[in-house]
Structures are given as C-alpha cells and as structure tokens.
C-alpha cells in the first residue's frame, strides 16, 4: 500500500485523500499544542516557508495520547495553531499514533 492510498480526516471531518499530495515531499508530524516541544512550530513554519515553492508540505496530525498535551477538538487546535503560531500548512483531525485506535497512516 502506498502512502497515497490513505485517506485522513481534516478538522471539519471531511475525508482527504493523500493522493492530493502526490509528487510533493511530505513531512508528516504528530503534534501537541500544550507541550514542551510546542516551540517546534516556529522551526516547522520556517522549513515549510523555505521549501514550499519546491513542492514541500508538512501534514500536521495533533495527538492527545501523551499527557493530555493536545486538548480540545481538532478545530480548536487548528485555530490555536493558526492564531498563536501562524501555522500555514494543513492541520488534520486529532489522531492516536499508537495503540488500539492507532491511525492507519501511522501503522
């Protein structure tokens, strides 16, 4: 199975086919807005802005599995990321990255 065969939910609950990103260089991250690594958004934004014109895109998947560090709905998290950290790349619905409810993309 190719990465482009996966479908994921955006923050409005719509299914998005990763085939939309075919031909791009993808950096897929799981994130948390209330953790010690939250300043990573500054560096991720810089990388994205530097290489976006060359076909680079970051796909951000918030995850609340580790210490409740991504509280709120996907829409709330995306709003925080856009307003506080000026995140310009796609943010998807909150997922689990391991365990019983692991997002298939992460499996």
PDB file of N, CA and C in Angstrom:
ATOM      1  N   UNK A   1       0.850  -1.181   0.000  1.00  0.00           N
ATOM      2  CA  UNK A   1       0.000   0.000   0.000  1.00  0.00           C
ATOM      3  C   UNK A   1       0.892   1.239   0.000  1.00  0.00           C
ATOM      4  N   UNK A   2       0.545   2.180  -0.817  1.00  0.00           N
ATOM      5  CA  UNK A   2       1.275   3.442  -0.926  1.00  0.00           C
ATOM      6  C   UNK A   2       0.692   4.468   0.049  1.00  0.00           C
ATOM      7  N   UNK A   3       1.509   5.409   0.447  1.00  0.00           N
ATOM      8  CA  UNK A   3       1.020   6.487   1.311  1.00  0.00           C
ATOM      9  C   UNK A   3      -0.131   7.241   0.644  1.00  0.00           C
ATOM     10  N   UNK A   4      -0.130   7.252  -0.672  1.00  0.00           N
ATOM     11  CA  UNK A   4      -1.164   7.983  -1.409  1.00  0.00           C
ATOM     12  C   UNK A   4      -2.506   7.257  -1.422  1.00  0.00           C
ATOM     13  N   UNK A   5      -2.543   6.036  -0.903  1.00  0.00           N
ATOM     14  CA  UNK A   5      -3.798   5.286  -0.807  1.00  0.00           C
ATOM     15  C   UNK A   5      -4.569   5.611   0.463  1.00  0.00           C
ATOM     16  N   UNK A   6      -3.938   6.296   1.400  1.00  0.00           N
ATOM     17  CA  UNK A   6      -4.587   6.615   2.672  1.00  0.00           C
ATOM     18  C   UNK A   6      -5.502   7.822   2.537  1.00  0.00           C
ATOM     19  N   UNK A   7      -6.569   7.778   3.329  1.00  0.00           N
ATOM     20  CA  UNK A   7      -7.451   8.927   3.490  1.00  0.00           C
ATOM     21  C   UNK A   7      -7.455   9.295   4.965  1.00  0.00           C
ATOM     22  N   UNK A   8      -7.441  10.585   5.229  1.00  0.00           N
ATOM     23  CA  UNK A   8      -7.433  11.090   6.599  1.00  0.00           C
ATOM     24  C   UNK A   8      -8.502  12.163   6.733  1.00  0.00           C
ATOM     25  N   UNK A   9      -8.884  12.469   7.967  1.00  0.00           N
ATOM     26  CA  UNK A   9      -9.908  13.490   8.190  1.00  0.00           C
ATOM     27  C   UNK A   9      -9.267  14.841   8.445  1.00  0.00           C
ATOM     28  N   UNK A  10      -9.868  15.865   7.835  1.00  0.00           N
ATOM     29  CA  UNK A  10      -9.448  17.224   8.172  1.00  0.00           C
ATOM     30  C   UNK A  10     -10.198  17.646   9.437  1.00  0.00           C
ATOM     31  N   UNK A  11      -9.968  18.848   9.892  1.00  0.00           N
ATOM     32  CA  UNK A  11     -10.569  19.280  11.156  1.00  0.00           C
ATOM     33  C   UNK A  11     -12.075  19.509  11.075  1.00  0.00           C
ATOM     34  N   UNK A  12     -12.630  19.494   9.869  1.00  0.00           N
ATOM     35  CA  UNK A  12     -14.078  19.607   9.719  1.00  0.00           C
ATOM     36  C   UNK A  12     -14.737  18.237   9.529  1.00  0.00           C
ATOM     37  N   UNK A  13     -13.915  17.169   9.600  1.00  0.00           N
ATOM     38  CA  UNK A  13     -14.446  15.819   9.462  1.00  0.00           C
ATOM     39  C   UNK A  13     -14.521  15.334   8.031  1.00  0.00           C
ATOM     40  N   UNK A  14     -14.032  16.113   7.080  1.00  0.00           N
ATOM     41  CA  UNK A  14     -14.027  15.700   5.676  1.00  0.00           C
ATOM     42  C   UNK A  14     -12.859  14.764   5.407  1.00  0.00           C
ATOM     43  N   UNK A  15     -13.097  13.755   4.579  1.00  0.00           N
ATOM     44  CA  UNK A  15     -12.029  12.838   4.207  1.00  0.00           C
ATOM     45  C   UNK A  15     -11.154  13.496   3.144  1.00  0.00           C
ATOM     46  N   UNK A  16      -9.857  13.372   3.335  1.00  0.00           N
ATOM     47  CA  UNK A  16      -8.871  13.931   2.411  1.00  0.00           C
ATOM     48  C   UNK A  16      -7.979  12.790   1.956  1.00  0.00           C
ATOM     49  N   UNK A  17      -7.883  12.606   0.661  1.00  0.00           N
ATOM     50  CA  UNK A  17      -7.002  11.579   0.114  1.00  0.00           C
ATOM     51  C   UNK A  17      -5.582  12.125   0.059  1.00  0.00           C
ATOM     52  N   UNK A  18      -4.645  11.354   0.562  1.00  0.00           N
ATOM     53  CA  UNK A  18      -3.257  11.797   0.496  1.00  0.00           C
ATOM     54  C   UNK A  18      -2.736  11.786  -0.939  1.00  0.00           C
ATOM     55  N   UNK A  19      -3.525  11.240  -1.855  1.00  0.00           N
ATOM     56  CA  UNK A  19      -3.141  11.317  -3.278  1.00  0.00           C
ATOM     57  C   UNK A  19      -3.110  12.774  -3.751  1.00  0.00           C
ATOM     58  N   UNK A  20      -3.783  13.667  -3.005  1.00  0.00           N
ATOM     59  CA  UNK A  20      -3.734  15.096  -3.332  1.00  0.00           C
ATOM     60  C   UNK A  20      -2.306  15.643  -3.223  1.00  0.00           C
ATOM     61  N   UNK A  21      -1.459  14.928  -2.497  1.00  0.00           N
ATOM     62  CA  UNK A  21      -0.086  15.390  -2.269  1.00  0.00           C
ATOM     63  C   UNK A  21       0.937  14.620  -3.103  1.00  0.00           C
ATOM     64  N   UNK A  22       0.447  13.841  -4.047  1.00  0.00           N
ATOM     65  CA  UNK A  22       1.353  13.066  -4.903  1.00  0.00           C
ATOM     66  C   UNK A  22       2.293  14.016  -5.635  1.00  0.00           C
ATOM     67  N   UNK A  23       3.566  13.654  -5.661  1.00  0.00           N
ATOM     68  CA  UNK A  23       4.565  14.478  -6.319  1.00  0.00           C
ATOM     69  C   UNK A  23       5.196  15.512  -5.397  1.00  0.00           C
ATOM     70  N   UNK A  24       4.732  15.575  -4.160  1.00  0.00           N
ATOM     71  CA  UNK A  24       5.280  16.523  -3.185  1.00  0.00           C
ATOM     72  C   UNK A  24       6.182  15.770  -2.201  1.00  0.00           C
ATOM     73  N   UNK A  25       7.040  16.498  -1.563  1.00  0.00           N
ATOM     74  CA  UNK A  25       7.844  15.950  -0.473  1.00  0.00           C
ATOM     75  C   UNK A  25       7.055  16.200   0.800  1.00  0.00           C
ATOM     76  N   UNK A  26       6.743  15.128   1.535  1.00  0.00           N
ATOM     77  CA  UNK A  26       5.894  15.238   2.723  1.00  0.00           C
ATOM     78  C   UNK A  26       6.693  15.050   4.000  1.00  0.00           C
ATOM     79  N   UNK A  27       6.423  15.906   4.959  1.00  0.00           N
ATOM     80  CA  UNK A  27       6.880  15.712   6.324  1.00  0.00           C
ATOM     81  C   UNK A  27       5.611  15.556   7.155  1.00  0.00           C
ATOM     82  N   UNK A  28       5.389  14.347   7.660  1.00  0.00           N
ATOM     83  CA  UNK A  28       4.183  14.053   8.427  1.00  0.00           C
ATOM     84  C   UNK A  28       4.562  14.062   9.901  1.00  0.00           C
ATOM     85  N   UNK A  29       3.894  14.935  10.661  1.00  0.00           N
ATOM     86  CA  UNK A  29       4.227  15.087  12.079  1.00  0.00           C
ATOM     87  C   UNK A  29       2.991  14.885  12.941  1.00  0.00           C
ATOM     88  N   UNK A  30       3.225  14.371  14.141  1.00  0.00           N
ATOM     89  CA  UNK A  30       2.173  14.433  15.150  1.00  0.00           C
ATOM     90  C   UNK A  30       2.607  15.507  16.131  1.00  0.00           C
ATOM     91  N   UNK A  31       1.651  16.280  16.582  1.00  0.00           N
ATOM     92  CA  UNK A  31       1.977  17.465  17.366  1.00  0.00           C
ATOM     93  C   UNK A  31       1.076  17.579  18.591  1.00  0.00           C
ATOM     94  N   UNK A  32       1.484  18.482  19.475  1.00  0.00           N
ATOM     95  CA  UNK A  32       0.692  18.805  20.656  1.00  0.00           C
ATOM     96  C   UNK A  32       0.907  20.285  20.951  1.00  0.00           C
ATOM     97  N   UNK A  33      -0.165  20.996  21.156  1.00  0.00           N
ATOM     98  CA  UNK A  33      -0.079  22.450  21.347  1.00  0.00           C
ATOM     99  C   UNK A  33       0.251  22.860  22.772  1.00  0.00           C
ATOM    100  N   UNK A  34       0.225  21.939  23.703  1.00  0.00           N
ATOM    101  CA  UNK A  34       0.466  22.276  25.117  1.00  0.00           C
ATOM    102  C   UNK A  34       1.608  21.449  25.694  1.00  0.00           C
ATOM    103  N   UNK A  35       2.669  21.294  24.944  1.00  0.00           N
ATOM    104  CA  UNK A  35       3.795  20.504  25.446  1.00  0.00           C
ATOM    105  C   UNK A  35       5.090  21.296  25.319  1.00  0.00           C
ATOM    106  N   UNK A  36       6.140  20.746  25.880  1.00  0.00           N
ATOM    107  CA  UNK A  36       7.432  21.415  25.851  1.00  0.00           C
ATOM    108  C   UNK A  36       8.012  21.581  24.462  1.00  0.00           C
ATOM    109  N   UNK A  37       7.508  20.799  23.497  1.00  0.00           N
ATOM    110  CA  UNK A  37       8.011  20.895  22.128  1.00  0.00           C
ATOM    111  C   UNK A  37       7.189  21.847  21.262  1.00  0.00           C
ATOM    112  N   UNK A  38       6.195  22.502  21.839  1.00  0.00           N
ATOM    113  CA  UNK A  38       5.337  23.392  21.064  1.00  0.00           C
ATOM    114  C   UNK A  38       6.125  24.463  20.301  1.00  0.00           C
ATOM    115  N   UNK A  39       7.240  24.964  20.831  1.00  0.00           N
ATOM    116  CA  UNK A  39       8.028  25.921  20.036  1.00  0.00           C
ATOM    117  C   UNK A  39       8.509  25.361  18.694  1.00  0.00           C
ATOM    118  N   UNK A  40       8.364  24.039  18.506  1.00  0.00           N
ATOM    119  CA  UNK A  40       8.728  23.454  17.214  1.00  0.00           C
ATOM    120  C   UNK A  40       7.956  24.087  16.059  1.00  0.00           C
ATOM    121  N   UNK A  41       6.804  24.654  16.339  1.00  0.00           N
ATOM    122  CA  UNK A  41       6.035  25.274  15.263  1.00  0.00           C
ATOM    123  C   UNK A  41       6.829  26.380  14.572  1.00  0.00           C
ATOM    124  N   UNK A  42       7.633  27.103  15.305  1.00  0.00           N
ATOM    125  CA  UNK A  42       8.452  28.158  14.692  1.00  0.00           C
ATOM    126  C   UNK A  42       9.382  27.561  13.649  1.00  0.00           C
ATOM    127  N   UNK A  43      10.093  26.494  14.024  1.00  0.00           N
ATOM    128  CA  UNK A  43      11.020  25.860  13.095  1.00  0.00           C
ATOM    129  C   UNK A  43      10.294  25.181  11.934  1.00  0.00           C
ATOM    130  N   UNK A  44       9.169  24.524  12.236  1.00  0.00           N
ATOM    131  CA  UNK A  44       8.398  23.892  11.159  1.00  0.00           C
ATOM    132  C   UNK A  44       7.907  24.933  10.161  1.00  0.00           C
ATOM    133  N   UNK A  45       7.438  26.062  10.658  1.00  0.00           N
ATOM    134  CA  UNK A  45       6.995  27.143   9.763  1.00  0.00           C
ATOM    135  C   UNK A  45       8.142  27.618   8.884  1.00  0.00           C
ATOM    136  N   UNK A  46       9.321  27.771   9.477  1.00  0.00           N
ATOM    137  CA  UNK A  46      10.484  28.231   8.710  1.00  0.00           C
ATOM    138  C   UNK A  46      10.842  27.241   7.607  1.00  0.00           C
ATOM    139  N   UNK A  47      10.868  25.961   7.952  1.00  0.00           N
ATOM    140  CA  UNK A  47      11.179  24.928   6.956  1.00  0.00           C
ATOM    141  C   UNK A  47      10.127  24.933   5.851  1.00  0.00           C
ATOM    142  N   UNK A  48       8.857  24.971   6.252  1.00  0.00           N
ATOM    143  CA  UNK A  48       7.776  24.972   5.264  1.00  0.00           C
ATOM    144  C   UNK A  48       7.902  26.171   4.332  1.00  0.00           C
ATOM    145  N   UNK A  49       8.063  27.355   4.901  1.00  0.00           N
ATOM    146  CA  UNK A  49       8.128  28.566   4.080  1.00  0.00           C
ATOM    147  C   UNK A  49       9.350  28.583   3.166  1.00  0.00           C
ATOM    148  N   UNK A  50      10.439  27.991   3.607  1.00  0.00           N
ATOM    149  CA  UNK A  50      11.644  27.952   2.789  1.00  0.00           C
ATOM    150  C   UNK A  50      11.499  27.030   1.583  1.00  0.00           C
ATOM    151  N   UNK A  51      10.776  25.918   1.749  1.00  0.00           N
ATOM    152  CA  UNK A  51      10.751  24.901   0.699  1.00  0.00           C
ATOM    153  C   UNK A  51       9.392  24.677   0.032  1.00  0.00           C
ATOM    154  N   UNK A  52       8.356  25.399   0.445  1.00  0.00           N
ATOM    155  CA  UNK A  52       7.021  25.152  -0.108  1.00  0.00           C
ATOM    156  C   UNK A  52       6.956  25.361  -1.619  1.00  0.00           C
ATOM    157  N   UNK A  53       7.717  26.285  -2.148  1.00  0.00           N
ATOM    158  CA  UNK A  53       7.698  26.533  -3.591  1.00  0.00           C
ATOM    159  C   UNK A  53       8.400  25.433  -4.375  1.00  0.00           C
ATOM    160  N   UNK A  54       9.069  24.533  -3.656  1.00  0.00           N
ATOM    161  CA  UNK A  54       9.748  23.403  -4.293  1.00  0.00           C
ATOM    162  C   UNK A  54       8.955  22.110  -4.119  1.00  0.00           C
ATOM    163  N   UNK A  55       7.700  22.232  -3.691  1.00  0.00           N
ATOM    164  CA  UNK A  55       6.844  21.066  -3.559  1.00  0.00           C
ATOM    165  C   UNK A  55       6.874  20.396  -2.200  1.00  0.00           C
ATOM    166  N   UNK A  56       7.344  21.101  -1.193  1.00  0.00           N
ATOM    167  CA  UNK A  56       7.412  20.559   0.166  1.00  0.00           C
ATOM    168  C   UNK A  56       6.161  20.935   0.938  1.00  0.00           C
ATOM    169  N   UNK A  57       5.622  19.989   1.690  1.00  0.00           N
ATOM    170  CA  UNK A  57       4.459  20.283   2.530  1.00  0.00           C
ATOM    171  C   UNK A  57       4.561  19.488   3.838  1.00  0.00           C
ATOM    172  N   UNK A  58       4.088  20.102   4.897  1.00  0.00           N
ATOM    173  CA  UNK A  58       4.011  19.454   6.204  1.00  0.00           C
ATOM    174  C   UNK A  58       2.554  19.092   6.441  1.00  0.00           C
ATOM    175  N   UNK A  59       2.314  17.871   6.891  1.00  0.00           N
ATOM    176  CA  UNK A  59       0.976  17.431   7.267  1.00  0.00           C
ATOM    177  C   UNK A  59       0.995  17.204   8.776  1.00  0.00           C
ATOM    178  N   UNK A  60       0.215  17.995   9.487  1.00  0.00           N
ATOM    179  CA  UNK A  60       0.230  18.019  10.944  1.00  0.00           C
ATOM    180  C   UNK A  60      -0.975  17.264  11.503  1.00  0.00           C
ATOM    181  N   UNK A  61      -0.682  16.265  12.325  1.00  0.00           N
ATOM    182  CA  UNK A  61      -1.717  15.466  12.966  1.00  0.00           C
ATOM    183  C   UNK A  61      -1.595  15.609  14.487  1.00  0.00           C
ATOM    184  N   UNK A  62      -2.420  16.434  15.106  1.00  0.00           N
ATOM    185  CA  UNK A  62      -2.381  16.566  16.565  1.00  0.00           C
ATOM    186  C   UNK A  62      -2.696  15.225  17.242  1.00  0.00           C
ATOM    187  N   UNK A  63      -2.051  15.005  18.367  1.00  0.00           N
ATOM    188  CA  UNK A  63      -2.254  13.774  19.137  1.00  0.00           C
ATOM    189  C   UNK A  63      -2.306  14.119  20.617  1.00  0.00           C
ATOM    190  N   UNK A  64      -3.302  13.597  21.295  1.00  0.00           N
ATOM    191  CA  UNK A  64      -3.503  13.889  22.713  1.00  0.00           C
ATOM    192  C   UNK A  64      -3.162  12.692  23.598  1.00  0.00           C
ATOM    193  N   UNK A  65      -2.457  11.715  23.065  1.00  0.00           N
ATOM    194  CA  UNK A  65      -2.181  10.487  23.811  1.00  0.00           C
ATOM    195  C   UNK A  65      -1.136  10.642  24.908  1.00  0.00           C
ATOM    196  N   UNK A  66      -0.327  11.641  24.846  1.00  0.00           N
ATOM    197  CA  UNK A  66       0.820  11.721  25.732  1.00  0.00           C
ATOM    198  C   UNK A  66       0.664  12.887  26.713  1.00  0.00           C
ATOM    199  N   UNK A  67       0.095  12.604  27.857  1.00  0.00           N
ATOM    200  CA  UNK A  67      -0.038  13.602  28.904  1.00  0.00           C
ATOM    201  C   UNK A  67      -1.079  14.668  28.652  1.00  0.00           C
ATOM    202  N   UNK A  68      -2.088  14.371  27.831  1.00  0.00           N
ATOM    203  CA  UNK A  68      -3.160  15.339  27.559  1.00  0.00           C
ATOM    204  C   UNK A  68      -2.591  16.676  27.084  1.00  0.00           C
ATOM    205  N   UNK A  69      -1.610  16.615  26.171  1.00  0.00           N
ATOM    206  CA  UNK A  69      -0.927  17.814  25.711  1.00  0.00           C
ATOM    207  C   UNK A  69      -1.501  18.403  24.424  1.00  0.00           C
ATOM    208  N   UNK A  70      -2.596  17.823  23.945  1.00  0.00           N
ATOM    209  CA  UNK A  70      -3.304  18.391  22.789  1.00  0.00           C
ATOM    210  C   UNK A  70      -4.799  18.376  23.098  1.00  0.00           C
ATOM    211  N   UNK A  71      -5.209  19.152  24.125  1.00  0.00           N
ATOM    212  CA  UNK A  71      -6.624  19.176  24.491  1.00  0.00           C
ATOM    213  C   UNK A  71      -7.454  19.935  23.453  1.00  0.00           C
ATOM    214  N   UNK A  72      -8.735  19.690  23.477  1.00  0.00           N
ATOM    215  CA  UNK A  72      -9.644  20.398  22.573  1.00  0.00           C
ATOM    216  C   UNK A  72      -9.936  19.592  21.324  1.00  0.00           C
ATOM    217  N   UNK A  73     -10.838  20.131  20.524  1.00  0.00           N
ATOM    218  CA  UNK A  73     -11.197  19.495  19.265  1.00  0.00           C
ATOM    219  C   UNK A  73     -10.135  19.812  18.214  1.00  0.00           C
ATOM    220  N   UNK A  74     -10.196  19.099  17.113  1.00  0.00           N
ATOM    221  CA  UNK A  74      -9.288  19.387  16.006  1.00  0.00           C
ATOM    222  C   UNK A  74      -9.428  20.821  15.522  1.00  0.00           C
ATOM    223  N   UNK A  75     -10.665  21.307  15.440  1.00  0.00           N
ATOM    224  CA  UNK A  75     -10.889  22.693  15.009  1.00  0.00           C
ATOM    225  C   UNK A  75     -10.269  23.688  15.987  1.00  0.00           C
ATOM    226  N   UNK A  76     -10.406  23.424  17.282  1.00  0.00           N
ATOM    227  CA  UNK A  76      -9.830  24.319  18.293  1.00  0.00           C
ATOM    228  C   UNK A  76      -8.299  24.314  18.208  1.00  0.00           C
ATOM    229  N   UNK A  77      -7.741  23.134  18.031  1.00  0.00           N
ATOM    230  CA  UNK A  77      -6.291  23.031  17.907  1.00  0.00           C
ATOM    231  C   UNK A  77      -5.804  23.776  16.675  1.00  0.00           C
ATOM    232  N   UNK A  78      -6.490  23.576  15.550  1.00  0.00           N
ATOM    233  CA  UNK A  78      -6.105  24.272  14.317  1.00  0.00           C
ATOM    234  C   UNK A  78      -6.208  25.781  14.491  1.00  0.00           C
ATOM    235  N   UNK A  79      -7.257  26.248  15.156  1.00  0.00           N
ATOM    236  CA  UNK A  79      -7.420  27.690  15.384  1.00  0.00           C
ATOM    237  C   UNK A  79      -6.276  28.226  16.233  1.00  0.00           C
ATOM    238  N   UNK A  80      -5.892  27.486  17.268  1.00  0.00           N
ATOM    239  CA  UNK A  80      -4.760  27.893  18.110  1.00  0.00           C
ATOM    240  C   UNK A  80      -3.479  27.940  17.294  1.00  0.00           C
ATOM    241  N   UNK A  81      -3.254  26.906  16.503  1.00  0.00           N
ATOM    242  CA  UNK A  81      -2.036  26.852  15.681  1.00  0.00           C
ATOM    243  C   UNK A  81      -1.983  28.001  14.689  1.00  0.00           C
ATOM    244  N   UNK A  82      -3.115  28.338  14.115  1.00  0.00           N
ATOM    245  CA  UNK A  82      -3.148  29.418  13.117  1.00  0.00           C
ATOM    246  C   UNK A  82      -2.978  30.786  13.783  1.00  0.00           C
ATOM    247  N   UNK A  83      -3.618  30.997  14.941  1.00  0.00           N
ATOM    248  CA  UNK A  83      -3.567  32.320  15.568  1.00  0.00           C
ATOM    249  C   UNK A  83      -2.307  32.539  16.400  1.00  0.00           C
ATOM    250  N   UNK A  84      -1.892  31.542  17.165  1.00  0.00           N
ATOM    251  CA  UNK A  84      -0.740  31.729  18.058  1.00  0.00           C
ATOM    252  C   UNK A  84       0.602  31.425  17.393  1.00  0.00           C
ATOM    253  N   UNK A  85       0.595  30.464  16.472  1.00  0.00           N
ATOM    254  CA  UNK A  85       1.862  30.030  15.879  1.00  0.00           C
ATOM    255  C   UNK A  85       1.948  30.298  14.378  1.00  0.00           C
ATOM    256  N   UNK A  86       0.875  30.867  13.806  1.00  0.00           N
ATOM    257  CA  UNK A  86       0.820  31.232  12.393  1.00  0.00           C
ATOM    258  C   UNK A  86       1.130  30.062  11.469  1.00  0.00           C
ATOM    259  N   UNK A  87       0.643  28.886  11.814  1.00  0.00           N
ATOM    260  CA  UNK A  87       0.884  27.675  11.034  1.00  0.00           C
ATOM    261  C   UNK A  87       0.203  27.790   9.671  1.00  0.00           C
ATOM    262  N   UNK A  88       0.985  27.702   8.579  1.00  0.00           N
ATOM    263  CA  UNK A  88       0.420  27.861   7.238  1.00  0.00           C
ATOM    264  C   UNK A  88       0.100  26.552   6.524  1.00  0.00           C
ATOM    265  N   UNK A  89       0.512  25.420   7.062  1.00  0.00           N
ATOM    266  CA  UNK A  89       0.352  24.134   6.378  1.00  0.00           C
ATOM    267  C   UNK A  89      -0.865  23.392   6.927  1.00  0.00           C
ATOM    268  N   UNK A  90      -1.286  22.315   6.264  1.00  0.00           N
ATOM    269  CA  UNK A  90      -2.503  21.600   6.671  1.00  0.00           C
ATOM    270  C   UNK A  90      -2.408  20.972   8.062  1.00  0.00           C
ATOM    271  N   UNK A  91      -3.459  21.161   8.825  1.00  0.00           N
ATOM    272  CA  UNK A  91      -3.621  20.522  10.127  1.00  0.00           C
ATOM    273  C   UNK A  91      -4.847  19.620  10.017  1.00  0.00           C
ATOM    274  N   UNK A  92      -4.677  18.387  10.431  1.00  0.00           N
ATOM    275  CA  UNK A  92      -5.751  17.410  10.304  1.00  0.00           C
ATOM    276  C   UNK A  92      -6.378  17.132  11.666  1.00  0.00           C
ATOM    277  N   UNK A  93      -7.398  16.281  11.653  1.00  0.00           N
ATOM    278  CA  UNK A  93      -8.100  15.920  12.879  1.00  0.00           C
ATOM    279  C   UNK A  93      -7.140  15.221  13.834  1.00  0.00           C
ATOM    280  N   UNK A  94      -7.410  15.352  15.125  1.00  0.00           N
ATOM    281  CA  UNK A  94      -6.633  14.677  16.147  1.00  0.00           C
ATOM    282  C   UNK A  94      -6.678  13.171  15.922  1.00  0.00           C
ATOM    283  N   UNK A  95      -5.535  12.533  16.136  1.00  0.00           N
ATOM    284  CA  UNK A  95      -5.443  11.089  15.946  1.00  0.00           C
ATOM    285  C   UNK A  95      -4.733  10.457  17.132  1.00  0.00           C
ATOM    286  N   UNK A  96      -4.726   9.137  17.134  1.00  0.00           N
ATOM    287  CA  UNK A  96      -3.864   8.372  18.028  1.00  0.00           C
ATOM    288  C   UNK A  96      -2.764   7.770  17.163  1.00  0.00           C
ATOM    289  N   UNK A  97      -1.543   7.838  17.655  1.00  0.00           N
ATOM    290  CA  UNK A  97      -0.403   7.394  16.846  1.00  0.00           C
ATOM    291  C   UNK A  97       0.088   5.996  17.213  1.00  0.00           C
ATOM    292  N   UNK A  98      -0.494   5.422  18.266  1.00  0.00           N
ATOM    293  CA  UNK A  98      -0.178   4.041  18.595  1.00  0.00           C
ATOM    294  C   UNK A  98      -1.312   3.455  19.412  1.00  0.00           C
ATOM    295  N   UNK A  99      -1.241   2.166  19.651  1.00  0.00           N
ATOM    296  CA  UNK A  99      -2.265   1.513  20.463  1.00  0.00           C
ATOM    297  C   UNK A  99      -3.455   1.024  19.667  1.00  0.00           C
ATOM    298  N   UNK A 100      -4.487   0.708  20.404  1.00  0.00           N
ATOM    299  CA  UNK A 100      -5.694   0.094  19.857  1.00  0.00           C
ATOM    300  C   UNK A 100      -6.367   0.934  18.766  1.00  0.00           C
ATOM    301  N   UNK A 101      -6.362   2.262  18.905  1.00  0.00           N
ATOM    302  CA  UNK A 101      -7.033   3.149  17.947  1.00  0.00           C
ATOM    303  C   UNK A 101      -6.044   3.897  17.050  1.00  0.00           C
ATOM    304  N   UNK A 102      -4.893   3.281  16.833  1.00  0.00           N
ATOM    305  CA  UNK A 102      -3.849   3.905  16.022  1.00  0.00           C
ATOM    306  C   UNK A 102      -4.368   4.248  14.621  1.00  0.00           C
ATOM    307  N   UNK A 103      -4.081   5.457  14.205  1.00  0.00           N
ATOM    308  CA  UNK A 103      -4.422   5.896  12.856  1.00  0.00           C
ATOM    309  C   UNK A 103      -3.689   4.991  11.861  1.00  0.00           C
ATOM    310  N   UNK A 104      -4.405   4.419  10.876  1.00  0.00           N
ATOM    311  CA  UNK A 104      -3.759   3.521   9.920  1.00  0.00           C
ATOM    312  C   UNK A 104      -2.528   4.118   9.235  1.00  0.00           C
ATOM    313  N   UNK A 105      -2.548   5.395   8.992  1.00  0.00           N
ATOM    314  CA  UNK A 105      -1.380   6.050   8.391  1.00  0.00           C
ATOM    315  C   UNK A 105      -0.136   5.849   9.243  1.00  0.00           C
ATOM    316  N   UNK A 106      -0.304   5.853  10.551  1.00  0.00           N
ATOM    317  CA  UNK A 106       0.831   5.698  11.458  1.00  0.00           C
ATOM    318  C   UNK A 106       1.203   4.230  11.673  1.00  0.00           C
ATOM    319  N   UNK A 107       0.292   3.315  11.353  1.00  0.00           N
ATOM    320  CA  UNK A 107       0.596   1.895  11.487  1.00  0.00           C
ATOM    321  C   UNK A 107       1.619   1.512  10.425  1.00  0.00           C
TER     322      UNK A 107
END
